Amino acid sequence: MKTKTILIAAVMFLAFSVAAFAQATFTVGSIPVTTVVASGLTEKTGDVTFSTVYNSPPIITGTITINYGVPITFIGGIFIGAAPVPTTDIQVLSSTNGQLVLGIMQQLAVPYSFRVSGVRVAVANSGLTVLDASISTTNNALTAGETTVRVINSIQPGIASFTVANAVNFNSIFGGGCSTATLNITENFLNAYGVTNVTDTTQSVSTMVRITVSAIPDGLELTFPGTAGTMWTRALSNGDLANSAITLPDGLGTTSVYYRVTSDTSATAIDILSIPVQVCGFVPMDLGSVTATATLAPIGTVAPGPIPRYVEALVPASVPIVSVQPGTSTLLVPYSLYVAESYDTGLAIANTTKDPGPDVLGITYTMVPQQGTCTFNFFEQGSGTQRTYTTQAGSPGAGLNAAGEVPAGSVYTVLLSELLGQLPQKPAEWTGYIFITCDFTNAHGQYFISDFEFFTNGALMLVIDTDSWFRPAVEQLDN
């Protein structure tokens, strides 16, 4: 009886052993994607390949799990060569939590090879610089050491830089006209801007670049062209092509303009989206500037959605597209003196941008009233040491408004000692010259040196600026 029991146990062990080893063994490989966009929500991964080893038993029913570790947003399919694998053989069971689970639905004869292709994942905000997928199976086996494969070699920002060539600068009072600033938005790696959705049918739209401009000051307008080079066309936020130029008028708040790839970008050279933007100014213009940022688009985290799509990754322009500076006047006091309780210098600066008008003065233009601060640059005799002070709220003297500006039609009067008292260390004595730059076009000034008892002497300040048609090269006191 004991012998019979042992024999039965041996037969059962042999049967279980045969069953344990009657499973296919796969060798696993990958064809990784070189580089993808770090802000991408639908970035391509490389194909993962499975092939049975030589003399492998048949493939039996079970599962294969590919864990990407990041959300899966699209699945291309399972293929033998270019042909899809029949779902009666292998099919996708689930794709949640970054895990793609394949089901082997029936026993399959060997040799057998297939690949998982076209899987797109969300790498945005992952912090990853590469992506590896881990592989596991049930019932069948993997070759030892082949449970992890690389599917993305590099994850990098899509935009390398955003520069502005020929940025426009206007003077708010006499600087109107139209100029062209060129926005250059450079991809960070080969083919970061991708291809059209005609070339890649897994896409629903081609890559776009969104340019967002800040609020536009009064007196300015920007016109973006309908096309930019041979590969880009202006589009709407949903990817529909607009094909026409758009003018952004003054008073417009922050707004965005989109350009979409309409022919494949280069696979061998870095591409630059170059957009010539016409900037027009109409005097008088409000002070300020128009800045810009760029990001790849469409933007959106909702799935399903357009492919490709991205999270916002703003790259600021190197300089403003356009800046509007105030009209300025520069005056020179060639000699000033301060000795405590002895001598002081009185300064008087008139803002004459409010005047009786051309009929009274017999001039050919109409002055635009302006107001602005004045900056004093003090240069000490002997050492040439420079000290600087700009008027502001609470500045000493008389004639300023609450913001420390000289209003049109006002005269700012102040003592040198009062201005020196605003410096970090007030000198006990001072001798030197002073440059005064005011943020309005027509400043005139006079200075007086006095002991306020027996001696007073003064003169007109010299006018330095000569670049405005309001102020001829030779001061004629015509305004």
Protein backbone atom coordinates (compact mmCIF):
# COMPACT_ATOMS: atom_id res chain seq x y z
CA MET A 1 0.00 0.00 0.00
CA LYS A 2 2.82 2.35 0.91
CA THR A 3 4.52 1.66 -2.42
CA LYS A 4 1.32 2.47 -4.34
CA THR A 5 0.93 5.81 -2.51
CA ILE A 6 4.48 6.81 -3.30
CA LEU A 7 3.94 5.92 -6.96
CA ILE A 8 0.78 8.04 -7.18
CA ALA A 9 2.57 11.01 -5.57
CA ALA A 10 5.41 10.70 -8.04
CA VAL A 11 3.01 10.72 -11.00
CA MET A 12 1.21 13.80 -9.64
CA PHE A 13 4.53 15.63 -9.10
CA LEU A 14 5.57 14.83 -12.66
CA ALA A 15 2.26 16.11 -13.98
CA PHE A 16 2.55 19.39 -12.03
CA SER A 17 6.17 19.78 -13.14
CA VAL A 18 5.20 19.40 -16.79
CA ALA A 19 2.41 21.96 -16.31
CA ALA A 20 4.80 24.39 -14.59
CA PHE A 21 7.23 24.31 -17.49
CA ALA A 22 4.61 24.20 -20.26
CA GLN A 23 4.70 27.98 -20.68
CA ALA A 24 6.21 30.22 -23.28
CA THR A 25 9.24 32.37 -22.54
CA PHE A 26 9.48 35.80 -24.17
CA THR A 27 12.53 37.86 -24.88
CA VAL A 28 11.67 41.55 -24.48
CA GLY A 29 13.09 44.55 -26.32
CA SER A 30 12.26 48.13 -27.17
CA ILE A 31 12.77 50.76 -29.83
CA PRO A 32 12.89 53.89 -27.67
CA VAL A 33 11.82 57.35 -28.76
CA THR A 34 14.81 59.70 -28.78
CA THR A 35 13.34 62.80 -27.09
CA VAL A 36 9.90 64.00 -26.05
CA VAL A 37 8.48 67.26 -24.66
CA ALA A 38 8.59 67.59 -20.88
CA SER A 39 5.28 69.47 -20.77
CA GLY A 40 3.55 66.89 -22.97
CA LEU A 41 0.40 65.03 -22.00
CA THR A 42 0.38 62.74 -25.05
CA GLU A 43 4.04 62.01 -25.74
CA LYS A 44 5.02 58.98 -27.79
CA THR A 45 6.79 56.03 -26.23
CA GLY A 46 8.90 53.51 -28.11
CA ASP A 47 7.62 50.15 -29.28
CA VAL A 48 7.93 47.27 -26.81
CA THR A 49 8.64 43.98 -28.58
CA PHE A 50 7.95 40.40 -27.47
CA SER A 51 9.35 37.27 -29.17
CA THR A 52 9.30 33.70 -27.98
CA VAL A 53 12.71 32.17 -27.40
CA TYR A 54 14.01 29.25 -29.47
CA ASN A 55 12.27 25.95 -28.68
CA SER A 56 9.80 27.72 -26.39
CA PRO A 57 6.64 25.78 -25.49
CA PRO A 58 3.38 27.22 -26.88
CA ILE A 59 2.06 30.49 -25.47
CA ILE A 60 -0.71 29.82 -22.99
CA THR A 61 -3.50 32.10 -21.83
CA GLY A 62 -2.46 34.72 -19.30
CA THR A 63 -1.53 38.39 -19.07
CA ILE A 64 1.37 40.69 -19.85
CA THR A 65 1.57 43.96 -17.93
CA ILE A 66 3.62 46.95 -19.13
CA ASN A 67 3.95 49.49 -16.32
CA TYR A 68 4.92 52.93 -17.65
CA GLY A 69 4.65 54.64 -14.28
CA VAL A 70 2.91 57.68 -15.79
CA PRO A 71 -0.66 58.07 -17.10
CA ILE A 72 -1.42 56.41 -20.41
CA THR A 73 -3.37 58.78 -22.67
CA PHE A 74 -3.51 56.84 -25.96
CA ILE A 75 -2.88 53.29 -27.18
CA GLY A 76 -1.87 52.72 -30.77
CA GLY A 77 -2.23 48.95 -30.93
CA ILE A 78 -0.63 45.49 -30.97
CA PHE A 79 1.01 44.45 -34.24
CA ILE A 80 2.75 41.62 -36.04
CA GLY A 81 4.83 43.54 -38.53
CA ALA A 82 2.44 46.14 -39.89
CA ALA A 83 -0.68 44.03 -39.30
CA PRO A 84 -2.78 44.31 -36.14
CA VAL A 85 -2.80 41.23 -33.91
CA PRO A 86 -6.30 39.65 -33.90
CA THR A 87 -8.15 40.34 -30.67
CA THR A 88 -8.83 36.62 -30.49
CA ASP A 89 -5.08 36.23 -29.90
CA ILE A 90 -4.10 39.25 -27.77
CA GLN A 91 -6.11 42.27 -26.68
CA VAL A 92 -5.90 45.23 -24.31
CA LEU A 93 -7.68 44.43 -21.05
CA SER A 94 -7.04 47.74 -19.23
CA SER A 95 -4.84 50.85 -19.17
CA THR A 96 -5.25 52.46 -15.78
CA ASN A 97 -2.73 53.83 -13.26
CA GLY A 98 -0.01 53.81 -15.89
CA GLN A 99 -0.32 50.04 -16.43
CA LEU A 100 -1.19 48.54 -19.79
CA VAL A 101 -2.54 45.01 -19.26
CA LEU A 102 -2.63 42.70 -22.28
CA GLY A 103 -4.63 39.49 -22.28
CA ILE A 104 -3.45 36.39 -24.16
CA MET A 105 -6.85 35.02 -25.10
CA GLN A 106 -5.93 31.56 -26.42
CA GLN A 107 -3.00 29.21 -26.77
CA LEU A 108 -0.69 30.41 -29.53
CA ALA A 109 1.79 28.36 -31.51
CA VAL A 110 5.43 29.36 -31.48
CA PRO A 111 7.49 31.00 -32.79
CA TYR A 112 5.41 34.14 -32.19
CA SER A 113 6.46 37.80 -32.13
CA PHE A 114 4.45 40.95 -31.62
CA ARG A 115 4.99 44.57 -30.60
CA VAL A 116 3.03 47.15 -28.62
CA SER A 117 3.16 50.41 -30.55
CA GLY A 118 1.89 53.97 -30.40
CA VAL A 119 1.37 54.21 -26.66
CA ARG A 120 1.28 57.87 -25.59
CA VAL A 121 1.80 58.98 -22.02
CA ALA A 122 1.62 62.13 -19.90
CA VAL A 123 5.14 63.01 -18.76
CA ALA A 124 4.21 66.58 -17.74
CA ASN A 125 5.04 67.39 -14.12
CA SER A 126 6.63 63.96 -13.66
CA GLY A 127 10.13 65.31 -13.14
CA LEU A 128 11.49 62.45 -15.25
CA THR A 129 14.33 62.86 -17.72
CA VAL A 130 13.98 59.35 -19.20
CA LEU A 131 11.20 56.77 -19.08
CA ASP A 132 11.56 53.05 -18.43
CA ALA A 133 8.71 50.56 -18.48
CA SER A 134 8.64 47.44 -16.30
CA ILE A 135 7.23 44.19 -17.66
CA SER A 136 5.54 41.32 -15.81
CA THR A 137 3.53 38.28 -16.87
CA THR A 138 1.18 35.64 -15.57
CA ASN A 139 1.37 32.00 -16.76
CA ASN A 140 4.05 32.72 -19.36
CA ALA A 141 7.62 33.84 -18.58
CA LEU A 142 10.18 36.51 -19.48
CA THR A 143 13.85 36.00 -20.21
CA ALA A 144 15.86 36.75 -17.08
CA GLY A 145 17.05 40.35 -16.91
CA GLU A 146 14.52 41.62 -19.46
CA THR A 147 11.81 42.89 -17.15
CA THR A 148 12.65 46.58 -17.71
CA VAL A 149 12.97 48.39 -21.04
CA ARG A 150 13.64 52.00 -21.94
CA VAL A 151 10.87 53.59 -23.98
CA ILE A 152 11.98 57.28 -23.95
CA ASN A 153 15.65 58.24 -24.03
CA SER A 154 15.23 61.90 -23.06
CA ILE A 155 12.53 64.23 -21.74
CA GLN A 156 13.24 67.94 -22.30
CA PRO A 157 11.44 71.30 -22.60
CA GLY A 158 9.96 71.79 -26.04
CA ILE A 159 10.97 75.45 -26.45
CA ALA A 160 14.61 76.46 -26.06
CA SER A 161 14.26 80.25 -26.27
CA PHE A 162 12.02 83.15 -27.17
CA THR A 163 13.89 86.17 -28.48
CA VAL A 164 12.72 89.44 -29.99
CA ALA A 165 14.71 90.90 -32.87
CA ASN A 166 14.36 94.62 -33.61
CA ALA A 167 12.23 95.34 -30.55
CA VAL A 168 10.32 98.59 -31.05
CA ASN A 169 10.81 101.65 -28.85
CA PHE A 170 8.55 104.68 -29.06
CA ASN A 171 8.62 108.05 -27.42
CA SER A 172 5.15 108.64 -26.03
CA ILE A 173 4.92 112.20 -27.32
CA PHE A 174 6.66 112.41 -30.69
CA GLY A 175 7.51 108.82 -31.60
CA GLY A 176 4.61 107.50 -33.66
CA GLY A 177 4.82 105.33 -36.77
CA CYS A 178 5.04 101.64 -37.64
CA SER A 179 7.94 99.22 -37.25
CA THR A 180 8.38 95.44 -37.31
CA ALA A 181 9.57 93.34 -34.41
CA THR A 182 10.38 89.70 -35.15
CA LEU A 183 9.50 87.04 -32.59
CA ASN A 184 11.84 84.03 -32.78
CA ILE A 185 10.68 80.95 -30.89
CA THR A 186 13.23 78.13 -31.17
CA GLU A 187 12.55 74.45 -30.56
CA ASN A 188 14.75 72.76 -27.97
CA PHE A 189 15.52 69.55 -29.84
CA LEU A 190 15.07 68.04 -33.27
CA ASN A 191 11.42 67.66 -34.25
CA ALA A 192 10.10 69.11 -31.00
CA TYR A 193 7.57 70.99 -33.13
CA GLY A 194 6.58 67.64 -34.65
CA VAL A 195 4.69 66.83 -37.79
CA THR A 196 1.22 67.42 -39.13
CA ASN A 197 -1.71 65.19 -38.28
CA VAL A 198 -1.73 64.11 -41.94
CA THR A 199 1.73 62.60 -41.51
CA ASP A 200 0.92 61.08 -38.10
CA THR A 201 -2.65 59.80 -38.08
CA THR A 202 -2.54 59.19 -34.31
CA GLN A 203 -2.70 62.98 -33.96
CA SER A 204 -5.93 64.93 -34.18
CA VAL A 205 -4.12 68.25 -34.70
CA SER A 206 -0.56 69.34 -35.35
CA THR A 207 1.55 71.08 -32.74
CA MET A 208 0.78 74.73 -32.08
CA VAL A 209 2.68 77.53 -30.37
CA ARG A 210 0.69 79.96 -28.28
CA ILE A 211 2.03 83.51 -27.93
CA THR A 212 0.42 85.47 -25.10
CA VAL A 213 0.92 89.23 -25.08
CA SER A 214 0.32 91.54 -22.14
CA ALA A 215 -2.22 94.36 -22.10
CA ILE A 216 -1.62 96.90 -24.88
CA PRO A 217 -1.23 100.55 -23.80
CA ASP A 218 -3.36 103.22 -25.44
CA GLY A 219 -1.90 104.43 -28.71
CA LEU A 220 -0.41 101.08 -29.76
CA GLU A 221 -1.56 98.22 -31.97
CA LEU A 222 0.12 94.95 -32.96
CA THR A 223 -0.60 92.98 -36.13
CA PHE A 224 0.30 89.28 -36.35
CA PRO A 225 0.50 87.84 -39.90
CA GLY A 226 -1.67 85.00 -41.20
CA THR A 227 1.37 82.84 -41.95
CA ALA A 228 4.88 82.67 -40.55
CA GLY A 229 7.32 81.20 -43.02
CA THR A 230 6.35 78.13 -45.01
CA MET A 231 5.47 75.82 -42.13
CA TRP A 232 3.22 77.85 -39.82
CA THR A 233 -0.29 79.25 -40.15
CA ARG A 234 -2.22 81.31 -37.65
CA ALA A 235 -4.83 79.20 -35.88
CA LEU A 236 -7.59 79.43 -33.32
CA SER A 237 -7.21 77.97 -29.83
CA ASN A 238 -8.99 74.76 -30.94
CA GLY A 239 -6.52 74.25 -33.80
CA ASP A 240 -8.77 75.42 -36.62
CA LEU A 241 -6.77 77.41 -39.16
CA ALA A 242 -7.46 81.15 -39.32
CA ASN A 243 -5.29 81.89 -42.40
CA SER A 244 -5.51 85.65 -41.91
CA ALA A 245 -3.67 88.38 -40.05
CA ILE A 246 -5.04 89.65 -36.76
CA THR A 247 -4.62 93.13 -35.28
CA LEU A 248 -4.58 93.53 -31.52
CA PRO A 249 -5.79 97.06 -30.72
CA ASP A 250 -4.91 99.27 -27.78
CA GLY A 251 -6.93 98.84 -24.63
CA LEU A 252 -6.97 95.08 -25.17
CA GLY A 253 -6.14 93.02 -22.11
CA THR A 254 -3.85 90.01 -22.08
CA THR A 255 -4.59 87.91 -25.14
CA SER A 256 -3.16 84.96 -27.08
CA VAL A 257 -2.30 84.28 -30.71
CA TYR A 258 -1.73 80.73 -32.01
CA TYR A 259 0.36 79.36 -34.87
CA ARG A 260 0.03 75.76 -36.06
CA VAL A 261 2.46 73.55 -37.98
CA THR A 262 0.99 73.01 -41.45
CA SER A 263 3.92 71.22 -43.05
CA ASP A 264 6.38 68.88 -41.37
CA THR A 265 9.24 70.52 -39.55
CA SER A 266 12.82 69.42 -40.16
CA ALA A 267 14.03 66.13 -38.70
CA THR A 268 17.66 67.15 -39.19
CA ALA A 269 17.81 70.83 -38.18
CA ILE A 270 16.51 72.90 -35.28
CA ASP A 271 13.43 74.86 -36.36
CA ILE A 272 12.61 78.44 -35.46
CA LEU A 273 9.09 79.86 -35.57
CA SER A 274 9.80 83.40 -36.79
CA ILE A 275 6.86 85.82 -36.67
CA PRO A 276 7.17 89.38 -38.06
CA VAL A 277 4.83 91.50 -35.94
CA GLN A 278 3.97 95.00 -37.15
CA VAL A 279 3.87 97.49 -34.28
CA CYS A 280 2.20 100.86 -34.83
CA GLY A 281 2.13 103.79 -32.43
CA PHE A 282 -0.17 106.80 -32.52
CA VAL A 283 0.82 109.81 -30.44
CA PRO A 284 0.21 110.49 -27.70
CA MET A 285 0.83 106.99 -26.35
CA ASP A 286 0.49 105.74 -22.80
CA LEU A 287 3.73 104.76 -21.14
CA GLY A 288 4.41 101.06 -20.75
CA SER A 289 5.46 98.00 -22.69
CA VAL A 290 4.06 94.86 -24.29
CA THR A 291 5.70 91.67 -23.09
CA ALA A 292 5.07 88.14 -24.34
CA THR A 293 5.39 84.47 -23.41
CA ALA A 294 5.34 81.33 -25.53
CA THR A 295 4.23 77.78 -24.83
CA LEU A 296 3.44 74.70 -26.87
CA ALA A 297 -0.28 74.11 -27.40
CA PRO A 298 -3.09 72.98 -27.41
CA ILE A 299 -3.29 73.32 -23.63
CA GLY A 300 -5.49 70.93 -21.69
CA THR A 301 -5.45 68.04 -19.26
CA VAL A 302 -8.88 66.64 -20.04
CA ALA A 303 -8.88 63.24 -21.75
CA PRO A 304 -9.98 62.41 -24.33
CA GLY A 305 -8.81 65.58 -26.01
CA PRO A 306 -6.68 66.77 -28.89
CA ILE A 307 -3.44 64.93 -29.62
CA PRO A 308 -0.91 66.31 -29.02
CA ARG A 309 -1.72 68.44 -25.99
CA TYR A 310 0.37 70.04 -23.26
CA VAL A 311 0.38 71.71 -19.90
CA GLU A 312 1.35 75.37 -19.92
CA ALA A 313 5.14 75.85 -19.86
CA LEU A 314 5.71 79.57 -20.30
CA VAL A 315 8.93 80.83 -21.88
CA PRO A 316 9.18 84.63 -21.55
CA ALA A 317 10.42 86.77 -24.42
CA SER A 318 13.95 88.10 -23.95
CA VAL A 319 12.76 91.73 -24.11
CA PRO A 320 9.41 93.49 -24.55
CA ILE A 321 8.03 93.52 -28.10
CA VAL A 322 7.48 97.26 -27.78
CA SER A 323 8.26 99.84 -25.10
CA VAL A 324 6.86 103.33 -24.82
CA GLN A 325 9.14 105.72 -22.97
CA PRO A 326 8.24 109.17 -21.73
CA GLY A 327 9.38 112.28 -23.51
CA THR A 328 12.32 113.63 -21.54
CA SER A 329 14.26 116.83 -21.01
CA THR A 330 17.78 117.07 -19.66
CA LEU A 331 19.08 120.22 -18.00
CA LEU A 332 22.55 121.07 -16.74
CA VAL A 333 23.45 123.16 -13.72
CA PRO A 334 27.17 123.77 -14.40
CA TYR A 335 27.93 124.99 -10.89
CA SER A 336 26.18 124.50 -7.57
CA LEU A 337 27.27 125.19 -4.00
CA TYR A 338 26.21 124.19 -0.54
CA VAL A 339 27.97 125.10 2.71
CA ALA A 340 26.07 124.41 5.92
CA GLU A 341 24.60 127.60 7.42
CA SER A 342 26.35 129.66 4.76
CA TYR A 343 25.64 129.08 1.07
CA ASP A 344 22.93 127.14 -0.73
CA THR A 345 21.68 126.78 -4.29
CA GLY A 346 18.03 127.25 -5.20
CA LEU A 347 16.68 125.27 -8.17
CA ALA A 348 13.53 126.08 -10.19
CA ILE A 349 12.28 123.75 -12.95
CA ALA A 350 9.29 124.72 -15.11
CA ASN A 351 7.18 122.11 -16.93
CA THR A 352 6.03 124.16 -19.92
CA THR A 353 4.17 121.37 -21.73
CA LYS A 354 1.05 123.43 -21.01
CA ASP A 355 1.28 126.62 -23.07
CA PRO A 356 -1.02 129.24 -24.65
CA GLY A 357 -1.11 127.28 -27.91
CA PRO A 358 0.08 127.82 -31.48
CA ASP A 359 -2.18 130.82 -32.16
CA VAL A 360 -0.68 132.82 -29.31
CA LEU A 361 2.90 131.63 -29.66
CA GLY A 362 2.97 131.60 -33.46
CA ILE A 363 4.34 128.03 -33.55
CA THR A 364 3.29 125.19 -35.82
CA TYR A 365 2.54 122.43 -33.32
CA THR A 366 0.26 121.78 -30.39
CA MET A 367 2.02 120.80 -27.19
CA VAL A 368 0.81 117.70 -25.36
CA PRO A 369 0.55 118.35 -21.61
CA GLN A 370 2.67 115.86 -19.65
CA GLN A 371 3.76 115.26 -16.10
CA GLY A 372 6.73 113.37 -14.77
CA THR A 373 9.39 112.99 -12.15
CA CYS A 374 12.84 114.60 -12.25
CA THR A 375 16.08 112.75 -11.60
CA PHE A 376 19.04 114.71 -10.20
CA ASN A 377 22.53 113.38 -10.90
CA PHE A 378 25.03 115.15 -8.65
CA PHE A 379 28.72 115.14 -9.65
CA GLU A 380 31.07 116.32 -6.91
CA GLN A 381 33.92 118.64 -7.82
CA GLY A 382 37.34 117.02 -7.68
CA SER A 383 36.35 113.40 -7.04
CA GLY A 384 33.62 113.22 -9.69
CA THR A 385 31.60 111.06 -7.30
CA GLN A 386 28.05 110.63 -8.59
CA ARG A 387 24.96 110.61 -6.41
CA THR A 388 21.40 110.27 -7.71
CA TYR A 389 17.97 111.22 -6.45
CA THR A 390 14.56 110.97 -8.21
CA THR A 391 11.54 112.87 -6.98
CA GLN A 392 8.79 110.78 -5.44
CA ALA A 393 5.87 111.06 -3.07
CA GLY A 394 7.03 113.11 -0.10
CA SER A 395 9.96 114.74 -1.88
CA PRO A 396 11.03 118.14 -0.51
CA GLY A 397 10.30 121.42 -2.24
CA ALA A 398 7.16 122.90 -3.74
CA GLY A 399 5.27 122.31 -6.99
CA LEU A 400 5.12 118.50 -7.11
CA ASN A 401 1.92 116.45 -7.12
CA ALA A 402 1.26 113.64 -4.65
CA ALA A 403 3.25 111.19 -6.79
CA GLY A 404 6.35 113.38 -6.82
CA GLU A 405 5.79 114.53 -10.41
CA VAL A 406 5.96 118.04 -11.86
CA PRO A 407 2.52 118.66 -13.41
CA ALA A 408 2.15 120.41 -16.76
CA GLY A 409 2.11 124.16 -16.11
CA SER A 410 3.84 123.86 -12.75
CA VAL A 411 7.21 125.01 -11.42
CA TYR A 412 9.18 122.83 -9.02
CA THR A 413 11.32 124.79 -6.58
CA VAL A 414 13.73 123.19 -4.14
CA LEU A 415 17.00 123.90 -2.36
CA LEU A 416 20.11 121.89 -3.10
CA SER A 417 20.47 121.22 0.63
CA GLU A 418 16.99 119.66 0.70
CA LEU A 419 17.86 117.29 -2.14
CA LEU A 420 21.21 116.37 -0.62
CA GLY A 421 19.33 115.57 2.57
CA GLN A 422 17.52 112.77 0.72
CA LEU A 423 20.81 110.97 0.01
CA PRO A 424 21.97 108.15 2.30
CA GLN A 425 24.65 110.46 3.72
CA LYS A 426 24.18 114.19 3.39
CA PRO A 427 27.52 115.93 2.80
CA ALA A 428 28.40 118.87 5.07
CA GLU A 429 29.59 120.78 2.03
CA TRP A 430 29.02 120.41 -1.69
CA THR A 431 30.45 121.89 -4.85
CA GLY A 432 29.80 120.44 -8.26
CA TYR A 433 27.55 120.22 -11.32
CA ILE A 434 24.11 118.63 -11.68
CA PHE A 435 22.38 116.89 -14.59
CA ILE A 436 18.59 116.93 -14.24
CA THR A 437 16.48 114.60 -16.42
CA CYS A 438 12.71 115.11 -16.27
CA ASP A 439 10.10 112.79 -17.76
CA PHE A 440 8.40 115.43 -19.88
CA THR A 441 9.53 117.05 -23.11
CA ASN A 442 9.82 120.74 -22.31
CA ALA A 443 11.63 121.55 -19.11
CA HIS A 444 13.28 124.89 -18.44
CA GLY A 445 15.22 125.82 -15.35
CA GLN A 446 17.04 128.47 -13.40
CA TYR A 447 19.44 128.19 -10.48
CA PHE A 448 20.48 130.71 -7.79
CA ILE A 449 23.48 130.60 -5.45
CA SER A 450 22.87 132.69 -2.34
CA ASP A 451 23.83 133.31 1.28
CA PHE A 452 20.26 134.64 1.71
CA GLU A 453 21.61 137.89 3.14
CA PHE A 454 24.19 139.76 1.06
CA PHE A 455 24.84 137.67 -2.05
CA THR A 456 22.71 136.05 -4.77
CA ASN A 457 23.76 135.07 -8.26
CA GLY A 458 21.99 132.86 -10.78
CA ALA A 459 21.62 131.81 -14.39
CA LEU A 460 19.47 129.71 -16.68
CA MET A 461 20.09 125.98 -16.69
CA LEU A 462 21.54 124.71 -19.95
CA VAL A 463 19.28 122.52 -22.12
CA ILE A 464 21.11 119.35 -23.15
CA ASP A 465 18.63 117.32 -25.18
CA THR A 466 18.29 118.16 -28.87
CA ASP A 467 16.57 115.07 -30.31
CA SER A 468 13.00 116.32 -30.19
CA TRP A 469 11.43 118.50 -32.85
CA PHE A 470 9.84 120.30 -29.91
CA ARG A 471 13.30 121.43 -28.87
CA PRO A 472 15.63 122.67 -31.67
CA ALA A 473 19.38 122.18 -31.49
CA VAL A 474 19.80 125.83 -30.51
CA GLU A 475 17.53 126.70 -27.57
CA GLN A 476 15.19 129.46 -28.77
CA LEU A 477 12.86 129.52 -25.74
CA ASP A 478 9.94 128.92 -28.09
CA ASN A 479 8.24 126.76 -25.53
